Amino acid sequence: MLYNPTRKSFPALSVTGKECSLNCKHCQGIYLKHMIPISPEGLYNLCMNNNLKGALISGGCDSNGKVPLDNFLPVIKRIKEESDLLINVHTGLV
């Protein structure tokens, strides 16, 4: 099965806006430029009020290679409890 999401049904969201501390050669922040900056409250409202299929939640890395998701985890949990949305989370470099 192939799933080809659209920006409208499965938006790419950045928890850091356009910011990334690493600026790695493979990305150089280019992917962040096309993502929608989001806050925890904005994430909940967007996901619950726009008839989405799901969302990609990502962002730039901190100096340790992690996407700072801690403030978003309670909201992601709430979205999963209250909906059937597909949530794809990029956590950073592994």
C-alpha atoms as a PDB file:
ATOM      1  CA  MET A   1       0.000   0.000   0.000  1.00  0.00           C
ATOM      2  CA  LEU A   2       1.354   3.402  -0.956  1.00  0.00           C
ATOM      3  CA  TYR A   3       0.211   6.521   0.832  1.00  0.00           C
ATOM      4  CA  ASN A   4       0.999   9.828  -0.818  1.00  0.00           C
ATOM      5  CA  PRO A   5      -0.049  12.624   1.542  1.00  0.00           C
ATOM      6  CA  THR A   6      -0.733  16.161   0.473  1.00  0.00           C
ATOM      7  CA  ARG A   7       0.187  19.315   2.356  1.00  0.00           C
ATOM      8  CA  LYS A   8      -3.479  19.915   3.018  1.00  0.00           C
ATOM      9  CA  SER A   9      -4.291  16.477   4.468  1.00  0.00           C
ATOM     10  CA  PHE A  10      -0.909  15.695   6.081  1.00  0.00           C
ATOM     11  CA  PRO A  11       1.020  18.916   6.759  1.00  0.00           C
ATOM     12  CA  ALA A  12       4.698  19.035   7.725  1.00  0.00           C
ATOM     13  CA  LEU A  13       5.020  20.970  10.987  1.00  0.00           C
ATOM     14  CA  SER A  14       8.144  22.383  12.640  1.00  0.00           C
ATOM     15  CA  VAL A  15       8.390  22.762  16.415  1.00  0.00           C
ATOM     16  CA  THR A  16      11.427  25.055  15.944  1.00  0.00           C
ATOM     17  CA  GLY A  17      10.238  27.173  13.045  1.00  0.00           C
ATOM     18  CA  LYS A  18      13.138  27.612  10.629  1.00  0.00           C
ATOM     19  CA  GLU A  19      15.818  27.210  13.335  1.00  0.00           C
ATOM     20  CA  CYS A  20      18.365  24.371  13.579  1.00  0.00           C
ATOM     21  CA  SER A  21      21.560  24.404  15.649  1.00  0.00           C
ATOM     22  CA  LEU A  22      23.376  21.812  13.528  1.00  0.00           C
ATOM     23  CA  ASN A  23      22.971  23.000   9.923  1.00  0.00           C
ATOM     24  CA  CYS A  24      24.134  19.570   8.666  1.00  0.00           C
ATOM     25  CA  LYS A  25      25.426  19.257   5.103  1.00  0.00           C
ATOM     26  CA  HIS A  26      22.637  16.839   4.090  1.00  0.00           C
ATOM     27  CA  CYS A  27      19.878  19.320   4.982  1.00  0.00           C
ATOM     28  CA  GLN A  28      21.245  22.825   5.722  1.00  0.00           C
ATOM     29  CA  GLY A  29      17.795  23.774   7.013  1.00  0.00           C
ATOM     30  CA  ILE A  30      16.236  23.540   3.547  1.00  0.00           C
ATOM     31  CA  TYR A  31      13.476  21.172   4.708  1.00  0.00           C
ATOM     32  CA  LEU A  32      12.512  23.526   7.538  1.00  0.00           C
ATOM     33  CA  LYS A  33      11.804  26.327   5.068  1.00  0.00           C
ATOM     34  CA  HIS A  34       8.853  24.356   3.684  1.00  0.00           C
ATOM     35  CA  MET A  35       7.392  23.362   7.055  1.00  0.00           C
ATOM     36  CA  ILE A  36       4.696  25.183   9.013  1.00  0.00           C
ATOM     37  CA  PRO A  37       5.982  26.646  12.309  1.00  0.00           C
ATOM     38  CA  ILE A  38       3.791  25.409  15.167  1.00  0.00           C
ATOM     39  CA  SER A  39       3.266  25.844  18.910  1.00  0.00           C
ATOM     40  CA  PRO A  40       1.762  23.160  21.174  1.00  0.00           C
ATOM     41  CA  GLU A  41      -1.600  24.974  21.228  1.00  0.00           C
ATOM     42  CA  GLY A  42      -1.445  25.527  17.471  1.00  0.00           C
ATOM     43  CA  LEU A  43      -0.674  21.843  16.923  1.00  0.00           C
ATOM     44  CA  TYR A  44      -3.780  20.770  18.803  1.00  0.00           C
ATOM     45  CA  ASN A  45      -6.028  23.274  17.042  1.00  0.00           C
ATOM     46  CA  LEU A  46      -4.652  22.451  13.588  1.00  0.00           C
ATOM     47  CA  CYS A  47      -4.970  18.700  14.056  1.00  0.00           C
ATOM     48  CA  MET A  48      -8.422  18.712  15.630  1.00  0.00           C
ATOM     49  CA  ASN A  49     -10.151  21.371  13.520  1.00  0.00           C
ATOM     50  CA  ASN A  50      -9.034  20.835   9.917  1.00  0.00           C
ATOM     51  CA  ASN A  51     -10.186  17.369   8.820  1.00  0.00           C
ATOM     52  CA  LEU A  52      -6.602  16.131   8.448  1.00  0.00           C
ATOM     53  CA  LYS A  53      -5.469  12.561   7.866  1.00  0.00           C
ATOM     54  CA  GLY A  54      -2.421  13.230  10.037  1.00  0.00           C
ATOM     55  CA  ALA A  55       0.715  15.311  10.379  1.00  0.00           C
ATOM     56  CA  LEU A  56       4.484  15.146  10.268  1.00  0.00           C
ATOM     57  CA  ILE A  57       5.921  16.730  13.418  1.00  0.00           C
ATOM     58  CA  SER A  58       9.587  17.619  13.173  1.00  0.00           C
ATOM     59  CA  GLY A  59      11.894  20.594  13.463  1.00  0.00           C
ATOM     60  CA  GLY A  60      15.501  21.625  13.694  1.00  0.00           C
ATOM     61  CA  CYS A  61      17.903  19.881  16.028  1.00  0.00           C
ATOM     62  CA  ASP A  62      19.463  21.264  19.174  1.00  0.00           C
ATOM     63  CA  SER A  63      23.248  21.029  19.661  1.00  0.00           C
ATOM     64  CA  ASN A  64      22.840  17.385  20.790  1.00  0.00           C
ATOM     65  CA  GLY A  65      21.034  16.348  17.607  1.00  0.00           C
ATOM     66  CA  LYS A  66      17.571  16.188  19.220  1.00  0.00           C
ATOM     67  CA  VAL A  67      14.410  17.851  17.991  1.00  0.00           C
ATOM     68  CA  PRO A  68      13.048  19.601  21.127  1.00  0.00           C
ATOM     69  CA  LEU A  69       9.691  17.848  21.432  1.00  0.00           C
ATOM     70  CA  ASP A  70       9.243  17.780  25.237  1.00  0.00           C
ATOM     71  CA  ASN A  71       6.672  20.612  25.307  1.00  0.00           C
ATOM     72  CA  PHE A  72       4.695  18.887  22.536  1.00  0.00           C
ATOM     73  CA  LEU A  73       4.440  15.380  24.018  1.00  0.00           C
ATOM     74  CA  PRO A  74       1.326  16.020  26.159  1.00  0.00           C
ATOM     75  CA  VAL A  75      -0.430  17.555  23.142  1.00  0.00           C
ATOM     76  CA  ILE A  76       0.575  14.689  20.839  1.00  0.00           C
ATOM     77  CA  LYS A  77      -0.749  12.224  23.426  1.00  0.00           C
ATOM     78  CA  ARG A  78      -4.026  14.155  23.681  1.00  0.00           C
ATOM     79  CA  ILE A  79      -4.429  14.234  19.888  1.00  0.00           C
ATOM     80  CA  LYS A  80      -3.883  10.465  19.705  1.00  0.00           C
ATOM     81  CA  GLU A  81      -6.398   9.853  22.501  1.00  0.00           C
ATOM     82  CA  GLU A  82      -9.055  12.053  20.904  1.00  0.00           C
ATOM     83  CA  SER A  83      -8.632  11.193  17.213  1.00  0.00           C
ATOM     84  CA  ASP A  84      -7.583   8.595  14.660  1.00  0.00           C
ATOM     85  CA  LEU A  85      -4.993  10.882  13.079  1.00  0.00           C
ATOM     86  CA  LEU A  86      -1.716   9.417  11.857  1.00  0.00           C
ATOM     87  CA  ILE A  87       1.175  11.181  13.573  1.00  0.00           C
ATOM     88  CA  ASN A  88       4.704  10.853  12.180  1.00  0.00           C
ATOM     89  CA  VAL A  89       7.342  12.316  14.513  1.00  0.00           C
ATOM     90  CA  HIS A  90      10.961  12.929  13.543  1.00  0.00           C
ATOM     91  CA  THR A  91      12.921  12.970  16.784  1.00  0.00           C
ATOM     92  CA  GLY A  92      16.338  13.988  15.473  1.00  0.00           C
ATOM     93  CA  LEU A  93      19.562  12.206  14.619  1.00  0.00           C
ATOM     94  CA  VAL A  94      19.743   8.600  15.790  1.00  0.00           C
END
